[in-house]
Amino acid sequence: MGGLTCDNEAVSRSKTTSIPRPTEPANASDEGRSRLGDFTRPIPVEKRILRRPKLVLFGGVLALLVVGSIGAAIVILPVQTWLDQDDSLVQRQTQLDALQRVNGELAAEVDRLETEDGIREAAREEIGFVEAGEKRTSILPLPPLPRDLPDGWPYNVVTDILAARTAGPAPTSAPAAD
């Protein structure tokens, strides 16, 4: 009496559910039903989780817009910023090259000014330094020459020369065929 026997098969089953189980598996052709009937049959309104399909559609569209916006913020905007930074890096590299060139020129000037000859030359150029035994002579630039020369023999030749130089070379023309 203490154990279960094979005679009473219903007693040996576990009683964890109250749903009755079919004794034999149902065939697909039984009673005109298919196995996909549970998926294709409409759910009654009182058993639906959400009873308003338009609200579900609106919520789905709204969720899609939110996911799309987040995707754009995570992917598209950083890529656009990265491309803008690439252009900015090219500009900064050009500026850096120009500044390095100027720094090289200034370093060469500093090296030149560290020698005695460089100091002497800079003093002559900047403040007009004159050493003992030298004579200072200032040469001023020529004033602008007048364009209008008087009429007469030497001046009309000079006027013609100036006119020819300012006009440039004469246009060449092809020789006429006979």
N, C-alpha and C. Protein backbone atom coordinates (compact mmCIF):
# COMPACT_ATOMS: atom_id res chain seq x y z
N MET A 1 0.78 -1.19 0.00
CA MET A 1 0.00 0.00 0.00
C MET A 1 0.83 1.26 0.00
N GLY A 2 2.03 1.25 0.36
CA GLY A 2 2.78 2.47 0.54
C GLY A 2 3.19 3.14 -0.74
N GLY A 3 3.26 2.48 -1.89
CA GLY A 3 3.75 3.12 -3.11
C GLY A 3 2.69 3.22 -4.16
N LEU A 4 3.04 3.88 -5.21
CA LEU A 4 2.12 4.04 -6.33
C LEU A 4 2.27 2.86 -7.26
N THR A 5 1.20 2.48 -7.83
CA THR A 5 1.23 1.36 -8.75
C THR A 5 0.87 1.83 -10.13
N CYS A 6 1.16 0.98 -11.09
CA CYS A 6 0.87 1.32 -12.48
C CYS A 6 -0.61 1.17 -12.80
N ASP A 7 -1.35 0.56 -11.93
CA ASP A 7 -2.76 0.35 -12.23
C ASP A 7 -3.53 1.66 -12.28
N ASN A 8 -3.21 2.56 -11.45
CA ASN A 8 -3.94 3.83 -11.40
C ASN A 8 -3.04 4.93 -11.96
N GLU A 9 -3.10 5.12 -13.26
CA GLU A 9 -2.22 6.09 -13.92
C GLU A 9 -2.59 7.52 -13.58
N ALA A 10 -3.82 7.81 -13.31
CA ALA A 10 -4.26 9.16 -12.97
C ALA A 10 -3.69 9.59 -11.64
N VAL A 11 -3.45 8.68 -10.75
CA VAL A 11 -2.92 9.01 -9.44
C VAL A 11 -1.44 9.35 -9.55
N SER A 12 -0.71 8.78 -10.49
CA SER A 12 0.72 9.01 -10.61
C SER A 12 1.06 10.36 -11.25
N ARG A 13 0.12 11.00 -11.87
CA ARG A 13 0.38 12.30 -12.49
C ARG A 13 0.43 13.40 -11.45
N SER A 14 1.20 14.46 -11.79
CA SER A 14 1.30 15.61 -10.90
C SER A 14 0.05 16.47 -11.06
N LYS A 15 -0.45 17.01 -9.99
CA LYS A 15 -1.63 17.86 -10.01
C LYS A 15 -1.22 19.32 -9.80
N THR A 16 -0.41 19.88 -10.70
CA THR A 16 0.01 21.27 -10.57
C THR A 16 -0.87 22.23 -11.34
N THR A 17 -1.74 21.75 -12.17
CA THR A 17 -2.59 22.63 -12.96
C THR A 17 -4.02 22.13 -12.93
N SER A 18 -4.92 23.04 -13.13
CA SER A 18 -6.33 22.66 -13.15
C SER A 18 -6.87 22.55 -14.57
N ILE A 19 -6.02 22.80 -15.58
CA ILE A 19 -6.44 22.73 -16.97
C ILE A 19 -6.51 21.26 -17.36
N PRO A 20 -7.64 20.84 -17.86
CA PRO A 20 -7.73 19.43 -18.26
C PRO A 20 -6.91 19.17 -19.50
N ARG A 21 -6.20 18.10 -19.51
CA ARG A 21 -5.37 17.74 -20.65
C ARG A 21 -6.14 16.77 -21.53
N PRO A 22 -5.93 16.91 -22.85
CA PRO A 22 -6.61 15.95 -23.72
C PRO A 22 -5.96 14.58 -23.57
N THR A 23 -6.74 13.58 -23.70
CA THR A 23 -6.22 12.24 -23.57
C THR A 23 -5.46 11.81 -24.80
N GLU A 24 -5.86 12.29 -25.99
CA GLU A 24 -5.17 11.99 -27.23
C GLU A 24 -4.84 13.30 -27.94
N PRO A 25 -3.67 13.38 -28.61
CA PRO A 25 -3.36 14.62 -29.33
C PRO A 25 -4.34 14.85 -30.47
N ALA A 26 -4.71 16.11 -30.65
CA ALA A 26 -5.69 16.45 -31.69
C ALA A 26 -5.00 16.49 -33.04
N ASN A 27 -5.63 16.00 -34.02
CA ASN A 27 -5.10 16.05 -35.38
C ASN A 27 -5.43 17.41 -35.99
N ALA A 28 -4.66 17.79 -37.00
CA ALA A 28 -4.87 19.09 -37.64
C ALA A 28 -6.20 19.14 -38.37
N SER A 29 -6.67 18.02 -38.80
CA SER A 29 -7.91 18.01 -39.58
C SER A 29 -9.15 17.84 -38.70
N ASP A 30 -8.98 17.76 -37.38
CA ASP A 30 -10.13 17.56 -36.50
C ASP A 30 -11.02 18.79 -36.49
N GLU A 31 -12.28 18.59 -36.65
CA GLU A 31 -13.33 19.59 -36.54
C GLU A 31 -13.09 20.80 -37.42
N GLY A 32 -12.36 20.69 -38.51
CA GLY A 32 -12.14 21.81 -39.42
C GLY A 32 -11.18 22.87 -38.89
N ARG A 33 -10.43 22.57 -37.85
CA ARG A 33 -9.49 23.53 -37.26
C ARG A 33 -8.07 23.26 -37.74
N SER A 34 -7.27 24.29 -37.80
CA SER A 34 -5.86 24.10 -38.12
C SER A 34 -5.03 24.39 -36.87
N ARG A 35 -3.79 24.02 -36.90
CA ARG A 35 -2.91 24.28 -35.75
C ARG A 35 -2.62 25.78 -35.62
N LEU A 36 -2.75 26.53 -36.70
CA LEU A 36 -2.51 27.97 -36.66
C LEU A 36 -3.76 28.74 -36.28
N GLY A 37 -4.82 28.05 -35.96
CA GLY A 37 -6.07 28.71 -35.64
C GLY A 37 -5.96 29.65 -34.46
N ASP A 38 -5.13 29.30 -33.48
CA ASP A 38 -4.98 30.18 -32.32
C ASP A 38 -4.29 31.48 -32.69
N PHE A 39 -3.47 31.46 -33.72
CA PHE A 39 -2.76 32.68 -34.12
C PHE A 39 -3.57 33.53 -35.09
N THR A 40 -4.37 32.90 -35.90
CA THR A 40 -5.10 33.63 -36.93
C THR A 40 -6.50 34.03 -36.52
N ARG A 41 -7.04 33.42 -35.49
CA ARG A 41 -8.39 33.73 -35.03
C ARG A 41 -8.37 35.05 -34.29
N PRO A 42 -9.29 35.96 -34.54
CA PRO A 42 -9.30 37.24 -33.82
C PRO A 42 -9.58 37.02 -32.34
N ILE A 43 -8.94 37.86 -31.53
CA ILE A 43 -9.11 37.79 -30.08
C ILE A 43 -10.35 38.61 -29.73
N PRO A 44 -11.23 38.07 -28.92
CA PRO A 44 -12.41 38.85 -28.52
C PRO A 44 -12.00 40.13 -27.80
N VAL A 45 -12.78 41.20 -27.96
CA VAL A 45 -12.45 42.52 -27.41
C VAL A 45 -12.28 42.46 -25.91
N GLU A 46 -13.10 41.72 -25.20
CA GLU A 46 -13.01 41.70 -23.74
C GLU A 46 -11.76 40.98 -23.24
N LYS A 47 -11.09 40.19 -24.09
CA LYS A 47 -9.88 39.48 -23.67
C LYS A 47 -8.60 40.15 -24.15
N ARG A 48 -8.72 41.23 -24.90
CA ARG A 48 -7.52 41.94 -25.40
C ARG A 48 -6.86 42.71 -24.27
N ILE A 49 -5.54 42.85 -24.38
CA ILE A 49 -4.80 43.64 -23.39
C ILE A 49 -5.11 45.12 -23.60
N LEU A 50 -5.01 45.58 -24.82
CA LEU A 50 -5.39 46.95 -25.18
C LEU A 50 -6.60 46.86 -26.08
N ARG A 51 -7.65 47.55 -25.71
CA ARG A 51 -8.91 47.43 -26.43
C ARG A 51 -9.08 48.46 -27.53
N ARG A 52 -8.14 49.40 -27.68
CA ARG A 52 -8.26 50.45 -28.69
C ARG A 52 -7.13 50.30 -29.70
N PRO A 53 -7.38 49.78 -30.88
CA PRO A 53 -6.30 49.56 -31.85
C PRO A 53 -5.71 50.86 -32.39
N LYS A 54 -6.49 51.94 -32.47
CA LYS A 54 -5.94 53.22 -32.95
C LYS A 54 -4.94 53.77 -31.95
N LEU A 55 -5.22 53.60 -30.68
CA LEU A 55 -4.29 54.04 -29.65
C LEU A 55 -3.00 53.23 -29.71
N VAL A 56 -3.12 51.95 -29.98
CA VAL A 56 -1.93 51.09 -30.12
C VAL A 56 -1.11 51.53 -31.32
N LEU A 57 -1.78 51.83 -32.44
CA LEU A 57 -1.08 52.30 -33.63
C LEU A 57 -0.38 53.63 -33.38
N PHE A 58 -1.08 54.56 -32.73
CA PHE A 58 -0.48 55.85 -32.41
C PHE A 58 0.71 55.67 -31.46
N GLY A 59 0.57 54.81 -30.47
CA GLY A 59 1.67 54.54 -29.54
C GLY A 59 2.86 53.91 -30.25
N GLY A 60 2.59 53.02 -31.21
CA GLY A 60 3.68 52.40 -31.97
C GLY A 60 4.42 53.41 -32.83
N VAL A 61 3.67 54.31 -33.47
CA VAL A 61 4.31 55.35 -34.29
C VAL A 61 5.13 56.28 -33.41
N LEU A 62 4.57 56.64 -32.25
CA LEU A 62 5.31 57.51 -31.33
C LEU A 62 6.58 56.82 -30.83
N ALA A 63 6.48 55.54 -30.51
CA ALA A 63 7.67 54.80 -30.07
C ALA A 63 8.71 54.73 -31.18
N LEU A 64 8.25 54.55 -32.42
CA LEU A 64 9.17 54.52 -33.56
C LEU A 64 9.88 55.86 -33.74
N LEU A 65 9.14 56.96 -33.57
CA LEU A 65 9.76 58.29 -33.67
C LEU A 65 10.79 58.51 -32.56
N VAL A 66 10.47 58.07 -31.36
CA VAL A 66 11.41 58.23 -30.25
C VAL A 66 12.67 57.42 -30.50
N VAL A 67 12.50 56.18 -30.94
CA VAL A 67 13.66 55.32 -31.23
C VAL A 67 14.47 55.91 -32.39
N GLY A 68 13.80 56.43 -33.42
CA GLY A 68 14.50 57.06 -34.54
C GLY A 68 15.27 58.29 -34.11
N SER A 69 14.68 59.11 -33.24
CA SER A 69 15.36 60.31 -32.75
C SER A 69 16.59 59.94 -31.93
N ILE A 70 16.43 58.95 -31.09
CA ILE A 70 17.58 58.50 -30.29
C ILE A 70 18.66 57.93 -31.19
N GLY A 71 18.25 57.18 -32.20
CA GLY A 71 19.23 56.64 -33.15
C GLY A 71 19.96 57.75 -33.89
N ALA A 72 19.23 58.80 -34.29
CA ALA A 72 19.88 59.92 -34.97
C ALA A 72 20.84 60.63 -34.04
N ALA A 73 20.44 60.79 -32.78
CA ALA A 73 21.32 61.47 -31.83
C ALA A 73 22.57 60.66 -31.53
N ILE A 74 22.45 59.35 -31.59
CA ILE A 74 23.59 58.49 -31.25
C ILE A 74 24.49 58.27 -32.45
N VAL A 75 23.93 58.23 -33.67
CA VAL A 75 24.73 57.86 -34.84
C VAL A 75 24.99 59.05 -35.76
N ILE A 76 23.94 59.71 -36.23
CA ILE A 76 24.09 60.71 -37.29
C ILE A 76 24.79 61.97 -36.80
N LEU A 77 24.39 62.50 -35.67
CA LEU A 77 25.00 63.74 -35.19
C LEU A 77 26.50 63.59 -34.88
N PRO A 78 26.94 62.51 -34.23
CA PRO A 78 28.39 62.36 -34.04
C PRO A 78 29.16 62.21 -35.34
N VAL A 79 28.58 61.55 -36.33
CA VAL A 79 29.27 61.41 -37.62
C VAL A 79 29.41 62.78 -38.28
N GLN A 80 28.36 63.60 -38.23
CA GLN A 80 28.42 64.94 -38.81
C GLN A 80 29.47 65.78 -38.08
N THR A 81 29.50 65.69 -36.76
CA THR A 81 30.50 66.42 -35.98
C THR A 81 31.90 65.94 -36.33
N TRP A 82 32.06 64.64 -36.53
CA TRP A 82 33.37 64.09 -36.88
C TRP A 82 33.84 64.64 -38.22
N LEU A 83 32.94 64.72 -39.20
CA LEU A 83 33.31 65.26 -40.51
C LEU A 83 33.67 66.74 -40.41
N ASP A 84 32.93 67.51 -39.59
CA ASP A 84 33.25 68.92 -39.40
C ASP A 84 34.61 69.07 -38.72
N GLN A 85 34.91 68.20 -37.78
CA GLN A 85 36.21 68.25 -37.11
C GLN A 85 37.33 67.92 -38.08
N ASP A 86 37.07 67.05 -39.03
CA ASP A 86 38.08 66.71 -40.04
C ASP A 86 38.43 67.94 -40.87
N ASP A 87 37.41 68.72 -41.28
CA ASP A 87 37.67 69.96 -42.01
C ASP A 87 38.43 70.96 -41.14
N SER A 88 38.05 71.05 -39.89
CA SER A 88 38.72 71.96 -38.96
C SER A 88 40.18 71.55 -38.76
N LEU A 89 40.44 70.25 -38.71
CA LEU A 89 41.82 69.78 -38.56
C LEU A 89 42.69 70.16 -39.76
N VAL A 90 42.12 70.12 -40.95
CA VAL A 90 42.87 70.51 -42.15
C VAL A 90 43.23 71.99 -42.07
N GLN A 91 42.28 72.83 -41.65
CA GLN A 91 42.55 74.26 -41.51
C GLN A 91 43.61 74.51 -40.44
N ARG A 92 43.48 73.83 -39.32
CA ARG A 92 44.44 74.02 -38.23
C ARG A 92 45.84 73.54 -38.64
N GLN A 93 45.91 72.48 -39.43
CA GLN A 93 47.21 71.99 -39.90
C GLN A 93 47.86 73.01 -40.82
N THR A 94 47.07 73.66 -41.67
CA THR A 94 47.60 74.70 -42.55
C THR A 94 48.14 75.87 -41.72
N GLN A 95 47.37 76.27 -40.70
CA GLN A 95 47.84 77.35 -39.82
C GLN A 95 49.10 76.94 -39.08
N LEU A 96 49.15 75.70 -38.62
CA LEU A 96 50.33 75.22 -37.90
C LEU A 96 51.56 75.23 -38.80
N ASP A 97 51.41 74.81 -40.05
CA ASP A 97 52.54 74.83 -40.99
C ASP A 97 53.05 76.25 -41.21
N ALA A 98 52.12 77.21 -41.36
CA ALA A 98 52.52 78.61 -41.56
C ALA A 98 53.24 79.14 -40.32
N LEU A 99 52.72 78.82 -39.14
CA LEU A 99 53.36 79.29 -37.91
C LEU A 99 54.73 78.65 -37.70
N GLN A 100 54.87 77.39 -38.05
CA GLN A 100 56.18 76.74 -37.93
C GLN A 100 57.18 77.36 -38.90
N ARG A 101 56.73 77.74 -40.09
CA ARG A 101 57.62 78.40 -41.04
C ARG A 101 58.07 79.75 -40.49
N VAL A 102 57.13 80.53 -39.93
CA VAL A 102 57.48 81.83 -39.35
C VAL A 102 58.41 81.64 -38.16
N ASN A 103 58.14 80.63 -37.33
CA ASN A 103 59.02 80.37 -36.18
C ASN A 103 60.42 79.99 -36.64
N GLY A 104 60.53 79.24 -37.73
CA GLY A 104 61.85 78.90 -38.28
C GLY A 104 62.60 80.14 -38.74
N GLU A 105 61.87 81.06 -39.40
CA GLU A 105 62.52 82.31 -39.85
C GLU A 105 62.97 83.14 -38.65
N LEU A 106 62.12 83.21 -37.62
CA LEU A 106 62.50 83.97 -36.42
C LEU A 106 63.66 83.31 -35.68
N ALA A 107 63.71 82.00 -35.66
CA ALA A 107 64.84 81.31 -35.02
C ALA A 107 66.13 81.59 -35.77
N ALA A 108 66.06 81.64 -37.11
CA ALA A 108 67.25 81.98 -37.91
C ALA A 108 67.68 83.41 -37.62
N GLU A 109 66.72 84.32 -37.45
CA GLU A 109 67.05 85.72 -37.12
C GLU A 109 67.70 85.81 -35.74
N VAL A 110 67.19 85.04 -34.78
CA VAL A 110 67.78 85.03 -33.44
C VAL A 110 69.21 84.48 -33.50
N ASP A 111 69.42 83.42 -34.26
CA ASP A 111 70.77 82.86 -34.40
C ASP A 111 71.71 83.88 -35.03
N ARG A 112 71.21 84.64 -36.01
CA ARG A 112 72.04 85.66 -36.66
C ARG A 112 72.38 86.78 -35.68
N LEU A 113 71.41 87.16 -34.83
CA LEU A 113 71.65 88.26 -33.88
C LEU A 113 72.52 87.84 -32.70
N GLU A 114 72.79 86.56 -32.54
CA GLU A 114 73.67 86.12 -31.46
C GLU A 114 75.15 86.26 -31.84
N THR A 115 75.45 86.59 -33.08
CA THR A 115 76.84 86.79 -33.51
C THR A 115 77.16 88.28 -33.50
N GLU A 116 78.45 88.60 -33.45
CA GLU A 116 78.89 90.00 -33.45
C GLU A 116 78.50 90.71 -34.75
N ASP A 117 78.71 90.03 -35.87
CA ASP A 117 78.37 90.64 -37.16
C ASP A 117 76.86 90.88 -37.27
N GLY A 118 76.07 89.97 -36.76
CA GLY A 118 74.61 90.13 -36.79
C GLY A 118 74.16 91.31 -35.95
N ILE A 119 74.77 91.46 -34.78
CA ILE A 119 74.42 92.59 -33.91
C ILE A 119 74.79 93.90 -34.59
N ARG A 120 75.97 93.95 -35.17
CA ARG A 120 76.43 95.17 -35.84
C ARG A 120 75.51 95.52 -37.02
N GLU A 121 75.16 94.52 -37.81
CA GLU A 121 74.28 94.76 -38.97
C GLU A 121 72.89 95.23 -38.53
N ALA A 122 72.35 94.62 -37.46
CA ALA A 122 71.03 95.02 -36.96
C ALA A 122 71.08 96.44 -36.42
N ALA A 123 72.18 96.82 -35.76
CA ALA A 123 72.30 98.18 -35.23
C ALA A 123 72.36 99.19 -36.37
N ARG A 124 73.04 98.85 -37.46
CA ARG A 124 73.10 99.76 -38.62
C ARG A 124 71.71 99.92 -39.25
N GLU A 125 70.97 98.80 -39.39
CA GLU A 125 69.66 98.87 -40.05
C GLU A 125 68.61 99.53 -39.18
N GLU A 126 68.58 99.21 -37.89
CA GLU A 126 67.49 99.66 -37.03
C GLU A 126 67.70 101.07 -36.49
N ILE A 127 68.89 101.36 -35.98
CA ILE A 127 69.08 102.67 -35.33
C ILE A 127 70.12 103.54 -36.03
N GLY A 128 70.63 103.10 -37.17
CA GLY A 128 71.59 103.92 -37.92
C GLY A 128 72.94 104.02 -37.24
N PHE A 129 73.42 102.96 -36.62
CA PHE A 129 74.70 102.95 -35.91
C PHE A 129 75.85 103.16 -36.89
N VAL A 130 76.79 104.04 -36.50
CA VAL A 130 77.98 104.31 -37.31
C VAL A 130 79.20 104.04 -36.42
N GLU A 131 80.13 103.25 -36.93
CA GLU A 131 81.33 102.93 -36.16
C GLU A 131 82.34 104.08 -36.29
N ALA A 132 83.34 104.02 -35.43
CA ALA A 132 84.38 105.06 -35.44
C ALA A 132 85.11 105.03 -36.77
N GLY A 133 85.33 106.20 -37.35
CA GLY A 133 86.04 106.32 -38.62
C GLY A 133 85.11 106.26 -39.82
N GLU A 134 83.83 105.99 -39.63
CA GLU A 134 82.88 105.96 -40.74
C GLU A 134 82.13 107.28 -40.80
N LYS A 135 81.66 107.61 -41.97
CA LYS A 135 80.92 108.84 -42.18
C LYS A 135 79.47 108.47 -42.52
N ARG A 136 78.56 109.12 -41.87
CA ARG A 136 77.14 108.83 -42.09
C ARG A 136 76.62 109.66 -43.24
N THR A 137 75.97 108.99 -44.18
CA THR A 137 75.37 109.66 -45.33
C THR A 137 73.95 109.14 -45.48
N SER A 138 73.02 110.05 -45.50
CA SER A 138 71.61 109.65 -45.65
C SER A 138 71.18 109.89 -47.08
N ILE A 139 70.60 108.89 -47.68
CA ILE A 139 70.10 109.01 -49.05
C ILE A 139 68.58 108.91 -48.97
N LEU A 140 67.94 109.97 -49.41
CA LEU A 140 66.49 110.00 -49.38
C LEU A 140 65.94 109.46 -50.69
N PRO A 141 64.75 108.92 -50.68
CA PRO A 141 64.16 108.45 -51.93
C PRO A 141 63.83 109.62 -52.84
N LEU A 142 63.86 109.36 -54.14
CA LEU A 142 63.57 110.41 -55.11
C LEU A 142 62.10 110.80 -55.04
N PRO A 143 61.83 112.09 -55.22
CA PRO A 143 60.43 112.50 -55.24
C PRO A 143 59.79 112.02 -56.54
N PRO A 144 58.49 111.93 -56.59
CA PRO A 144 57.84 111.50 -57.83
C PRO A 144 58.08 112.52 -58.94
N LEU A 145 58.40 112.01 -60.12
CA LEU A 145 58.69 112.88 -61.25
C LEU A 145 57.39 113.37 -61.88
N PRO A 146 57.43 114.60 -62.42
CA PRO A 146 56.23 115.11 -63.07
C PRO A 146 55.99 114.36 -64.39
N ARG A 147 54.74 114.17 -64.72
CA ARG A 147 54.37 113.48 -65.96
C ARG A 147 54.26 114.45 -67.14
N ASP A 148 53.99 115.67 -66.84
CA ASP A 148 53.83 116.66 -67.91
C ASP A 148 55.17 117.36 -68.15
N LEU A 149 55.73 117.12 -69.31
CA LEU A 149 57.00 117.76 -69.68
C LEU A 149 56.70 118.90 -70.65
N PRO A 150 57.54 119.91 -70.65
CA PRO A 150 57.32 121.02 -71.58
C PRO A 150 57.49 120.56 -73.03
N ASP A 151 56.89 121.32 -73.93
CA ASP A 151 57.03 121.02 -75.36
C ASP A 151 58.40 121.47 -75.83
N GLY A 152 58.92 120.77 -76.78
CA GLY A 152 60.23 121.15 -77.33
C GLY A 152 61.04 119.91 -77.64
N TRP A 153 62.21 120.18 -78.24
CA TRP A 153 63.01 119.09 -78.75
C TRP A 153 63.37 118.00 -77.75
N PRO A 154 64.05 118.22 -76.65
CA PRO A 154 64.45 117.04 -75.89
C PRO A 154 63.27 116.40 -75.16
N TYR A 155 62.27 117.20 -74.86
CA TYR A 155 61.19 116.67 -74.02
C TYR A 155 60.18 115.83 -74.80
N ASN A 156 59.97 116.17 -76.07
CA ASN A 156 58.99 115.38 -76.82
C ASN A 156 59.50 113.96 -77.08
N VAL A 157 60.82 113.77 -77.20
CA VAL A 157 61.38 112.42 -77.37
C VAL A 157 61.18 111.62 -76.07
N VAL A 158 61.43 112.23 -74.93
CA VAL A 158 61.25 111.57 -73.64
C VAL A 158 59.77 111.24 -73.42
N THR A 159 58.89 112.14 -73.81
CA THR A 159 57.45 111.89 -73.68
C THR A 159 57.03 110.71 -74.53
N ASP A 160 57.58 110.61 -75.75
CA ASP A 160 57.25 109.47 -76.62
C ASP A 160 57.77 108.15 -76.03
N ILE A 161 58.96 108.18 -75.45
CA ILE A 161 59.53 106.97 -74.84
C ILE A 161 58.67 106.53 -73.65
N LEU A 162 58.27 107.48 -72.80
CA LEU A 162 57.43 107.14 -71.66
C LEU A 162 56.07 106.59 -72.10
N ALA A 163 55.52 107.17 -73.15
CA ALA A 163 54.23 106.70 -73.65
C ALA A 163 54.36 105.28 -74.21
N ALA A 164 55.47 104.99 -74.89
CA ALA A 164 55.67 103.66 -75.45
C ALA A 164 55.86 102.62 -74.34
N ARG A 165 56.57 102.99 -73.28
CA ARG A 165 56.80 102.04 -72.18
C ARG A 165 55.54 101.76 -71.39
N THR A 166 54.74 102.76 -71.17
CA THR A 166 53.51 102.54 -70.39
C THR A 166 52.44 101.84 -71.22
N ALA A 167 52.50 101.95 -72.55
CA ALA A 167 51.50 101.30 -73.40
C ALA A 167 51.77 99.81 -73.53
N GLY A 168 52.99 99.37 -73.37
CA GLY A 168 53.30 97.95 -73.50
C GLY A 168 53.64 97.62 -74.94
N PRO A 169 53.84 96.34 -75.23
CA PRO A 169 54.21 95.95 -76.59
C PRO A 169 53.03 96.15 -77.55
N ALA A 170 53.38 96.46 -78.78
CA ALA A 170 52.36 96.67 -79.81
C ALA A 170 51.78 95.32 -80.22
N PRO A 171 50.49 95.26 -80.49
CA PRO A 171 49.91 93.99 -80.92
C PRO A 171 50.45 93.59 -82.28
N THR A 172 50.70 92.29 -82.42
CA THR A 172 51.22 91.80 -83.70
C THR A 172 50.06 91.49 -84.61
N SER A 173 50.24 91.83 -85.88
CA SER A 173 49.19 91.53 -86.86
C SER A 173 49.79 90.64 -87.93
N ALA A 174 48.97 89.79 -88.48
CA ALA A 174 49.42 88.86 -89.53
C ALA A 174 49.65 89.64 -90.81
N PRO A 175 50.72 89.30 -91.56
CA PRO A 175 50.97 90.01 -92.82
C PRO A 175 49.86 89.69 -93.82
N ALA A 176 49.53 90.69 -94.62
CA ALA A 176 48.45 90.53 -95.61
C ALA A 176 48.95 89.66 -96.75
N ALA A 177 48.12 88.75 -97.17
CA ALA A 177 48.48 87.85 -98.28
C ALA A 177 48.16 88.52 -99.59
N ASP A 178 49.08 88.43 -100.55
CA ASP A 178 48.86 89.04 -101.87
C ASP A 178 48.20 88.10 -102.79
